C-alpha atoms as a PDB file:
ATOM      1  CA  MET A   1     -49.369 -11.173  34.281  1.00  0.00           C
ATOM      2  CA  GLN A   2     -49.762 -13.792  31.841  1.00  0.00           C
ATOM      3  CA  LEU A   3     -50.237 -13.375  28.035  1.00  0.00           C
ATOM      4  CA  GLU A   4     -52.604 -16.285  26.869  1.00  0.00           C
ATOM      5  CA  GLY A   5     -53.882 -17.746  23.681  1.00  0.00           C
ATOM      6  CA  ARG A   6     -56.490 -20.291  23.720  1.00  0.00           C
ATOM      7  CA  ASP A   7     -57.698 -22.721  21.501  1.00  0.00           C
ATOM      8  CA  LEU A   8     -56.642 -20.538  18.691  1.00  0.00           C
ATOM      9  CA  SER A   9     -57.220 -20.633  14.988  1.00  0.00           C
ATOM     10  CA  ILE A  10     -54.569 -18.907  12.932  1.00  0.00           C
ATOM     11  CA  GLY A  11     -54.289 -17.544   9.725  1.00  0.00           C
ATOM     12  CA  TYR A  12     -55.099 -15.363   6.893  1.00  0.00           C
ATOM     13  CA  PRO A  13     -58.191 -13.982   4.809  1.00  0.00           C
ATOM     14  CA  ASP A  14     -57.811 -16.638   2.388  1.00  0.00           C
ATOM     15  CA  ARG A  15     -56.190 -19.552   4.374  1.00  0.00           C
ATOM     16  CA  LEU A  16     -56.034 -21.435   7.558  1.00  0.00           C
ATOM     17  CA  VAL A  17     -52.510 -21.960   8.813  1.00  0.00           C
ATOM     18  CA  GLY A  18     -53.219 -23.649  12.190  1.00  0.00           C
ATOM     19  CA  SER A  19     -55.790 -24.527  14.706  1.00  0.00           C
ATOM     20  CA  GLY A  20     -56.422 -26.126  18.408  1.00  0.00           C
ATOM     21  CA  ILE A  21     -53.130 -23.960  19.866  1.00  0.00           C
ATOM     22  CA  ASP A  22     -52.792 -23.291  23.449  1.00  0.00           C
ATOM     23  CA  VAL A  23     -50.038 -21.136  24.433  1.00  0.00           C
ATOM     24  CA  ALA A  24     -49.391 -19.165  27.824  1.00  0.00           C
ATOM     25  CA  LEU A  25     -46.338 -17.039  28.767  1.00  0.00           C
ATOM     26  CA  ASN A  26     -46.037 -15.425  32.110  1.00  0.00           C
ATOM     27  CA  THR A  27     -44.104 -12.698  33.267  1.00  0.00           C
ATOM     28  CA  GLY A  28     -40.435 -13.939  34.559  1.00  0.00           C
ATOM     29  CA  GLU A  29     -40.016 -16.926  32.413  1.00  0.00           C
ATOM     30  CA  VAL A  30     -38.743 -17.736  28.702  1.00  0.00           C
ATOM     31  CA  LEU A  31     -40.832 -19.709  26.212  1.00  0.00           C
ATOM     32  CA  ALA A  32     -39.203 -21.004  23.122  1.00  0.00           C
ATOM     33  CA  LEU A  33     -41.147 -21.757  20.148  1.00  0.00           C
ATOM     34  CA  LEU A  34     -39.640 -24.426  17.722  1.00  0.00           C
ATOM     35  CA  GLY A  35     -40.935 -25.686  14.245  1.00  0.00           C
ATOM     36  CA  PRO A  36     -40.031 -26.412  10.493  1.00  0.00           C
ATOM     37  CA  ASN A  37     -40.539 -23.536   7.880  1.00  0.00           C
ATOM     38  CA  GLY A  38     -44.373 -22.990   7.133  1.00  0.00           C
ATOM     39  CA  SER A  39     -45.179 -24.678  10.672  1.00  0.00           C
ATOM     40  CA  GLY A  40     -47.071 -21.359  11.665  1.00  0.00           C
ATOM     41  CA  LYS A  41     -44.584 -19.802  14.274  1.00  0.00           C
ATOM     42  CA  THR A  42     -44.580 -16.250  12.725  1.00  0.00           C
ATOM     43  CA  THR A  43     -48.474 -16.571  12.222  1.00  0.00           C
ATOM     44  CA  LEU A  44     -49.024 -17.212  15.702  1.00  0.00           C
ATOM     45  CA  LEU A  45     -46.619 -14.592  16.848  1.00  0.00           C
ATOM     46  CA  LYS A  46     -48.658 -12.002  14.787  1.00  0.00           C
ATOM     47  CA  THR A  47     -51.834 -13.445  16.376  1.00  0.00           C
ATOM     48  CA  LEU A  48     -50.403 -13.227  19.906  1.00  0.00           C
ATOM     49  CA  LEU A  49     -49.310  -9.362  18.991  1.00  0.00           C
ATOM     50  CA  GLY A  50     -52.838  -8.374  17.751  1.00  0.00           C
ATOM     51  CA  LEU A  51     -51.442  -7.919  14.207  1.00  0.00           C
ATOM     52  CA  LEU A  52     -53.846 -10.636  13.017  1.00  0.00           C
ATOM     53  CA  ALA A  53     -57.156 -11.362  14.562  1.00  0.00           C
ATOM     54  CA  PRO A  54     -57.709 -15.113  15.439  1.00  0.00           C
ATOM     55  CA  LYS A  55     -59.887 -17.007  13.204  1.00  0.00           C
ATOM     56  CA  ALA A  56     -61.445 -18.812  16.511  1.00  0.00           C
ATOM     57  CA  GLY A  57     -60.440 -18.917  19.939  1.00  0.00           C
ATOM     58  CA  HIS A  58     -59.109 -15.529  21.814  1.00  0.00           C
ATOM     59  CA  VAL A  59     -55.812 -13.755  23.172  1.00  0.00           C
ATOM     60  CA  ARG A  60     -55.796 -12.289  26.777  1.00  0.00           C
ATOM     61  CA  LEU A  61     -53.464 -10.278  28.831  1.00  0.00           C
ATOM     62  CA  GLY A  62     -54.454 -11.092  32.100  1.00  0.00           C
ATOM     63  CA  ALA A  63     -57.850 -10.963  32.557  1.00  0.00           C
ATOM     64  CA  ARG A  64     -58.328  -8.402  29.412  1.00  0.00           C
ATOM     65  CA  ASP A  65     -59.062  -9.637  26.110  1.00  0.00           C
ATOM     66  CA  PHE A  66     -56.254  -8.257  23.890  1.00  0.00           C
ATOM     67  CA  ALA A  67     -58.299  -7.388  20.745  1.00  0.00           C
ATOM     68  CA  LYS A  68     -59.924  -4.533  23.311  1.00  0.00           C
ATOM     69  CA  LEU A  69     -56.844  -2.748  24.353  1.00  0.00           C
ATOM     70  CA  SER A  70     -55.818   0.279  22.819  1.00  0.00           C
ATOM     71  CA  ASP A  71     -52.459   0.775  20.566  1.00  0.00           C
ATOM     72  CA  ARG A  72     -50.768   2.551  23.690  1.00  0.00           C
ATOM     73  CA  GLU A  73     -51.636  -0.318  26.144  1.00  0.00           C
ATOM     74  CA  ARG A  74     -50.588  -3.035  23.916  1.00  0.00           C
ATOM     75  CA  ALA A  75     -47.394  -1.285  23.254  1.00  0.00           C
ATOM     76  CA  ARG A  76     -46.642  -0.931  26.964  1.00  0.00           C
ATOM     77  CA  ALA A  77     -47.709  -4.552  27.390  1.00  0.00           C
ATOM     78  CA  ILE A  78     -45.836  -6.207  24.679  1.00  0.00           C
ATOM     79  CA  ALA A  79     -42.527  -5.169  22.374  1.00  0.00           C
ATOM     80  CA  TYR A  80     -41.783  -7.049  19.094  1.00  0.00           C
ATOM     81  CA  VAL A  81     -38.599  -7.780  17.332  1.00  0.00           C
ATOM     82  CA  PRO A  82     -39.356  -8.859  13.842  1.00  0.00           C
ATOM     83  CA  GLN A  83     -37.000 -11.385  12.167  1.00  0.00           C
ATOM     84  CA  THR A  84     -36.168  -8.848   9.308  1.00  0.00           C
ATOM     85  CA  HIS A  85     -36.502  -5.331   8.908  1.00  0.00           C
ATOM     86  CA  GLN A  86     -36.103  -3.165   5.844  1.00  0.00           C
ATOM     87  CA  ALA A  87     -34.448   0.155   6.515  1.00  0.00           C
ATOM     88  CA  THR A  88     -36.382   3.106   4.552  1.00  0.00           C
ATOM     89  CA  PHE A  89     -35.190   5.943   6.134  1.00  0.00           C
ATOM     90  CA  ALA A  90     -31.759   7.079   7.654  1.00  0.00           C
ATOM     91  CA  PHE A  91     -32.661   7.801  11.091  1.00  0.00           C
ATOM     92  CA  SER A  92     -29.894   7.802  13.437  1.00  0.00           C
ATOM     93  CA  VAL A  93     -29.306   4.554  15.765  1.00  0.00           C
ATOM     94  CA  GLU A  94     -30.458   6.843  18.566  1.00  0.00           C
ATOM     95  CA  THR A  95     -33.530   7.794  16.735  1.00  0.00           C
ATOM     96  CA  VAL A  96     -34.401   4.398  16.142  1.00  0.00           C
ATOM     97  CA  VAL A  97     -34.150   3.137  19.640  1.00  0.00           C
ATOM     98  CA  LEU A  98     -36.023   6.167  20.726  1.00  0.00           C
ATOM     99  CA  MET A  99     -39.033   5.093  18.779  1.00  0.00           C
ATOM    100  CA  GLY A 100     -39.542   2.609  21.447  1.00  0.00           C
ATOM    101  CA  ARG A 101     -40.459   5.269  24.003  1.00  0.00           C
ATOM    102  CA  THR A 102     -43.517   6.669  21.944  1.00  0.00           C
ATOM    103  CA  ALA A 103     -45.702   3.905  24.281  1.00  0.00           C
ATOM    104  CA  HIS A 104     -44.774   6.315  26.988  1.00  0.00           C
ATOM    105  CA  GLY A 105     -45.275   9.859  25.273  1.00  0.00           C
ATOM    106  CA  SER A 106     -46.544  11.205  21.851  1.00  0.00           C
ATOM    107  CA  LEU A 107     -45.118  10.425  18.752  1.00  0.00           C
ATOM    108  CA  PHE A 108     -44.176  13.735  17.817  1.00  0.00           C
ATOM    109  CA  SER A 109     -42.940  15.171  21.159  1.00  0.00           C
ATOM    110  CA  ARG A 110     -39.424  15.581  22.141  1.00  0.00           C
ATOM    111  CA  PRO A 111     -37.648  13.071  23.847  1.00  0.00           C
ATOM    112  CA  SER A 112     -36.989  13.755  27.505  1.00  0.00           C
ATOM    113  CA  ALA A 113     -34.219  13.258  29.246  1.00  0.00           C
ATOM    114  CA  HIS A 114     -35.446  10.100  30.722  1.00  0.00           C
ATOM    115  CA  ASP A 115     -36.103   9.015  27.425  1.00  0.00           C
ATOM    116  CA  ARG A 116     -32.517   9.620  26.274  1.00  0.00           C
ATOM    117  CA  ALA A 117     -31.172   7.741  29.524  1.00  0.00           C
ATOM    118  CA  VAL A 118     -33.264   4.580  28.952  1.00  0.00           C
ATOM    119  CA  ALA A 119     -32.405   4.392  25.335  1.00  0.00           C
ATOM    120  CA  ALA A 120     -28.560   5.042  25.916  1.00  0.00           C
ATOM    121  CA  SER A 121     -28.794   2.361  28.463  1.00  0.00           C
ATOM    122  CA  ALA A 122     -30.358  -0.250  26.352  1.00  0.00           C
ATOM    123  CA  MET A 123     -27.948   0.474  23.691  1.00  0.00           C
ATOM    124  CA  ALA A 124     -25.038   0.017  26.083  1.00  0.00           C
ATOM    125  CA  ARG A 125     -26.936  -3.352  27.111  1.00  0.00           C
ATOM    126  CA  PHE A 126     -26.230  -4.506  23.570  1.00  0.00           C
ATOM    127  CA  GLY A 127     -22.763  -3.104  22.916  1.00  0.00           C
ATOM    128  CA  ILE A 128     -23.984  -0.472  20.162  1.00  0.00           C
ATOM    129  CA  ALA A 129     -23.579   2.751  21.954  1.00  0.00           C
ATOM    130  CA  ALA A 130     -20.885   3.638  19.344  1.00  0.00           C
ATOM    131  CA  LEU A 131     -23.290   3.530  16.694  1.00  0.00           C
ATOM    132  CA  ALA A 132     -25.672   6.156  18.167  1.00  0.00           C
ATOM    133  CA  ASN A 133     -24.844   8.434  15.480  1.00  0.00           C
ATOM    134  CA  ARG A 134     -24.870   6.550  12.687  1.00  0.00           C
ATOM    135  CA  PRO A 135     -27.528   6.141   9.961  1.00  0.00           C
ATOM    136  CA  TYR A 136     -29.214   3.112  10.795  1.00  0.00           C
ATOM    137  CA  THR A 137     -29.485   2.349   6.660  1.00  0.00           C
ATOM    138  CA  MET A 138     -25.711   2.218   6.913  1.00  0.00           C
ATOM    139  CA  ILE A 139     -24.943  -0.487   9.595  1.00  0.00           C
ATOM    140  CA  SER A 140     -24.731  -4.308   8.945  1.00  0.00           C
ATOM    141  CA  GLY A 141     -27.813  -6.798   9.240  1.00  0.00           C
ATOM    142  CA  GLY A 142     -26.665  -8.046  12.344  1.00  0.00           C
ATOM    143  CA  GLU A 143     -26.195  -4.262  13.813  1.00  0.00           C
ATOM    144  CA  ARG A 144     -29.865  -3.674  12.777  1.00  0.00           C
ATOM    145  CA  GLN A 145     -31.203  -6.606  14.797  1.00  0.00           C
ATOM    146  CA  LEU A 146     -29.369  -5.213  17.850  1.00  0.00           C
ATOM    147  CA  VAL A 147     -30.665  -1.887  17.414  1.00  0.00           C
ATOM    148  CA  LEU A 148     -34.367  -3.635  17.157  1.00  0.00           C
ATOM    149  CA  LEU A 149     -33.389  -5.320  20.343  1.00  0.00           C
ATOM    150  CA  ALA A 150     -32.144  -2.378  21.851  1.00  0.00           C
ATOM    151  CA  ARG A 151     -35.456  -0.431  21.052  1.00  0.00           C
ATOM    152  CA  ALA A 152     -37.815  -3.217  22.292  1.00  0.00           C
ATOM    153  CA  LEU A 153     -36.050  -2.568  25.400  1.00  0.00           C
ATOM    154  CA  ALA A 154     -36.368   0.914  25.925  1.00  0.00           C
ATOM    155  CA  GLN A 155     -40.058   0.395  25.510  1.00  0.00           C
ATOM    156  CA  GLU A 156     -39.879  -0.984  28.870  1.00  0.00           C
ATOM    157  CA  PRO A 157     -42.692  -3.621  28.182  1.00  0.00           C
ATOM    158  CA  GLN A 158     -44.020  -6.281  30.303  1.00  0.00           C
ATOM    159  CA  PHE A 159     -43.490  -9.197  27.608  1.00  0.00           C
ATOM    160  CA  VAL A 160     -41.097  -9.391  24.754  1.00  0.00           C
ATOM    161  CA  VAL A 161     -41.882 -11.229  21.620  1.00  0.00           C
ATOM    162  CA  LEU A 162     -38.860 -12.123  19.143  1.00  0.00           C
ATOM    163  CA  ASP A 163     -38.965 -13.791  15.646  1.00  0.00           C
ATOM    164  CA  GLU A 164     -35.690 -15.680  15.294  1.00  0.00           C
ATOM    165  CA  PRO A 165     -33.726 -13.307  17.158  1.00  0.00           C
ATOM    166  CA  THR A 166     -30.316 -14.614  16.447  1.00  0.00           C
ATOM    167  CA  ALA A 167     -30.934 -15.084  12.520  1.00  0.00           C
ATOM    168  CA  SER A 168     -28.689 -12.666  11.406  1.00  0.00           C
ATOM    169  CA  LEU A 169     -25.902 -12.431  14.249  1.00  0.00           C
ATOM    170  CA  ASP A 170     -22.470 -13.617  14.417  1.00  0.00           C
ATOM    171  CA  PHE A 171     -21.345 -16.063  17.266  1.00  0.00           C
ATOM    172  CA  GLY A 172     -20.419 -13.911  19.652  1.00  0.00           C
ATOM    173  CA  ASN A 173     -23.722 -11.692  19.335  1.00  0.00           C
ATOM    174  CA  GLN A 174     -25.823 -14.915  19.291  1.00  0.00           C
ATOM    175  CA  GLY A 175     -24.574 -15.561  22.989  1.00  0.00           C
ATOM    176  CA  LYS A 176     -25.370 -11.850  23.971  1.00  0.00           C
ATOM    177  CA  VAL A 177     -28.822 -12.130  22.742  1.00  0.00           C
ATOM    178  CA  MET A 178     -29.312 -15.509  24.765  1.00  0.00           C
ATOM    179  CA  ASN A 179     -27.380 -13.981  27.725  1.00  0.00           C
ATOM    180  CA  GLU A 180     -30.102 -10.841  27.436  1.00  0.00           C
ATOM    181  CA  ILE A 181     -32.848 -12.993  26.967  1.00  0.00           C
ATOM    182  CA  ARG A 182     -32.334 -14.820  30.878  1.00  0.00           C
ATOM    183  CA  ALA A 183     -31.710 -11.043  31.858  1.00  0.00           C
ATOM    184  CA  LEU A 184     -34.913 -10.166  30.732  1.00  0.00           C
ATOM    185  CA  ALA A 185     -36.772 -13.156  32.332  1.00  0.00           C
ATOM    186  CA  ALA A 186     -34.638 -12.349  35.338  1.00  0.00           C
ATOM    187  CA  ALA A 187     -35.703  -8.803  35.729  1.00  0.00           C
ATOM    188  CA  GLY A 188     -39.324  -9.776  35.689  1.00  0.00           C
ATOM    189  CA  HIS A 189     -40.329  -9.849  31.653  1.00  0.00           C
ATOM    190  CA  GLY A 190     -41.845 -12.674  30.025  1.00  0.00           C
ATOM    191  CA  VAL A 191     -40.186 -13.480  26.700  1.00  0.00           C
ATOM    192  CA  LEU A 192     -41.246 -15.559  23.811  1.00  0.00           C
ATOM    193  CA  PHE A 193     -38.677 -16.228  20.986  1.00  0.00           C
ATOM    194  CA  THR A 194     -38.782 -18.473  17.824  1.00  0.00           C
ATOM    195  CA  THR A 195     -35.984 -20.612  16.970  1.00  0.00           C
ATOM    196  CA  HIS A 196     -34.471 -23.328  14.427  1.00  0.00           C
ATOM    197  CA  ASP A 197     -31.824 -24.107  16.871  1.00  0.00           C
ATOM    198  CA  PRO A 198     -32.894 -26.288  19.872  1.00  0.00           C
ATOM    199  CA  ASN A 199     -29.679 -25.712  21.483  1.00  0.00           C
ATOM    200  CA  HIS A 200     -30.482 -22.065  22.161  1.00  0.00           C
ATOM    201  CA  ALA A 201     -33.797 -23.017  23.337  1.00  0.00           C
ATOM    202  CA  LEU A 202     -32.013 -25.334  25.841  1.00  0.00           C
ATOM    203  CA  ARG A 203     -29.919 -22.660  27.130  1.00  0.00           C
ATOM    204  CA  ALA A 204     -31.992 -19.803  27.334  1.00  0.00           C
ATOM    205  CA  ALA A 205     -35.864 -21.044  27.697  1.00  0.00           C
ATOM    206  CA  ASP A 206     -37.814 -22.461  30.685  1.00  0.00           C
ATOM    207  CA  ARG A 207     -40.389 -24.177  28.349  1.00  0.00           C
ATOM    208  CA  ALA A 208     -40.791 -25.078  24.857  1.00  0.00           C
ATOM    209  CA  CYS A 209     -43.461 -25.324  22.303  1.00  0.00           C
ATOM    210  CA  LEU A 210     -43.299 -27.626  18.960  1.00  0.00           C
ATOM    211  CA  LEU A 211     -45.161 -26.507  16.407  1.00  0.00           C
ATOM    212  CA  ARG A 212     -45.802 -28.776  13.287  1.00  0.00           C
ATOM    213  CA  ALA A 213     -48.104 -27.865  10.135  1.00  0.00           C
ATOM    214  CA  GLY A 214     -50.179 -25.767  12.432  1.00  0.00           C
ATOM    215  CA  GLU A 215     -50.829 -27.986  15.085  1.00  0.00           C
ATOM    216  CA  THR A 216     -48.930 -28.215  18.955  1.00  0.00           C
ATOM    217  CA  LEU A 217     -46.640 -31.428  18.935  1.00  0.00           C
ATOM    218  CA  ALA A 218     -45.768 -31.141  22.257  1.00  0.00           C
ATOM    219  CA  ALA A 219     -45.269 -28.367  24.921  1.00  0.00           C
ATOM    220  CA  GLY A 220     -43.861 -28.371  28.556  1.00  0.00           C
ATOM    221  CA  PRO A 221     -40.355 -27.777  30.416  1.00  0.00           C
ATOM    222  CA  VAL A 222     -37.512 -27.845  28.179  1.00  0.00           C
ATOM    223  CA  GLY A 223     -35.756 -30.973  29.373  1.00  0.00           C
ATOM    224  CA  GLU A 224     -39.197 -32.967  28.742  1.00  0.00           C
ATOM    225  CA  VAL A 225     -39.870 -31.345  25.304  1.00  0.00           C
ATOM    226  CA  LEU A 226     -36.383 -31.088  23.830  1.00  0.00           C
ATOM    227  CA  THR A 227     -35.710 -35.002  22.988  1.00  0.00           C
ATOM    228  CA  LYS A 228     -34.207 -36.587  20.202  1.00  0.00           C
ATOM    229  CA  PRO A 229     -37.588 -38.499  19.407  1.00  0.00           C
ATOM    230  CA  LEU A 230     -39.508 -35.314  19.712  1.00  0.00           C
ATOM    231  CA  LEU A 231     -37.117 -33.062  17.397  1.00  0.00           C
ATOM    232  CA  GLU A 232     -36.941 -35.873  14.806  1.00  0.00           C
ATOM    233  CA  SER A 233     -40.818 -36.335  14.957  1.00  0.00           C
ATOM    234  CA  LEU A 234     -40.961 -32.397  14.570  1.00  0.00           C
ATOM    235  CA  TYR A 235     -38.282 -31.931  11.821  1.00  0.00           C
ATOM    236  CA  GLY A 236     -38.792 -35.065  10.117  1.00  0.00           C
ATOM    237  CA  ALA A 237     -34.931 -35.739   9.895  1.00  0.00           C
ATOM    238  CA  PRO A 238     -32.613 -37.682  12.135  1.00  0.00           C
ATOM    239  CA  VAL A 239     -31.179 -35.982  15.260  1.00  0.00           C
ATOM    240  CA  GLU A 240     -27.738 -36.683  16.980  1.00  0.00           C
ATOM    241  CA  THR A 241     -27.298 -35.928  20.889  1.00  0.00           C
ATOM    242  CA  LEU A 242     -24.149 -34.964  22.325  1.00  0.00           C
ATOM    243  CA  THR A 243     -23.677 -34.939  26.043  1.00  0.00           C
ATOM    244  CA  ALA A 244     -20.794 -33.905  28.191  1.00  0.00           C
ATOM    245  CA  ASP A 245     -20.360 -32.596  31.825  1.00  0.00           C
ATOM    246  CA  GLY A 246     -24.197 -33.197  31.903  1.00  0.00           C
ATOM    247  CA  ARG A 247     -24.997 -30.884  29.259  1.00  0.00           C
ATOM    248  CA  THR A 248     -26.901 -31.838  26.205  1.00  0.00           C
ATOM    249  CA  ALA A 249     -26.453 -30.644  22.484  1.00  0.00           C
ATOM    250  CA  PHE A 250     -28.468 -31.359  19.555  1.00  0.00           C
ATOM    251  CA  LEU A 251     -27.096 -31.671  16.117  1.00  0.00           C
ATOM    252  CA  PRO A 252     -28.701 -32.556  12.649  1.00  0.00           C
ATOM    253  CA  GLY A 253     -27.942 -36.523  11.893  1.00  0.00           C
END
């Protein structure tokens, strides 16, 4: 299965953010989207998710026009983890994770034993099982991010889209999320995530897409796209390269 955007023009009713964008994500692979602030990364994600209609071009899930799918079909196909989430109601952590199961039942039906087992498994994978009964409003921002990741996993989607999933996480939990991204791909999911850190893309992604000023600067396998010249062109700043034991890392120059 493939999630695909072709010749996309993206933006809002009052402004165009980007144009001529091609992006495709297959199940079983990880695609990293990199670009400076204001390059259009989040707008592109919202367009692929159907939250924004493309100004031109089309988004397809397999052979189907994504815009013509029902909300239930979209929810079963794609889970979205936003960069930030404002907690309004003091739902328990378990309840928030169980919200991911509404794609498989009714919003107003009681969770089944299977739903609770799926939610418990998702919380355990992210090490937050002990928070199950805590109010979502009374945990840290980093813990909330892990809860949202668990909710996405509980949704059992084909694709998972994450907007800067490590932005509010400490060093240890960043590694946990990167490992989980690879595990999701190994289990057959397609994963798309945005990041400002090319090292995260090197570690977790199969392919990378570099977006600058609403246009694709480069796209392809991470080893070909994540290079010093291309990253310097992407960010308009010097980049240092470190290599040890056959592994490469990038640092701001």
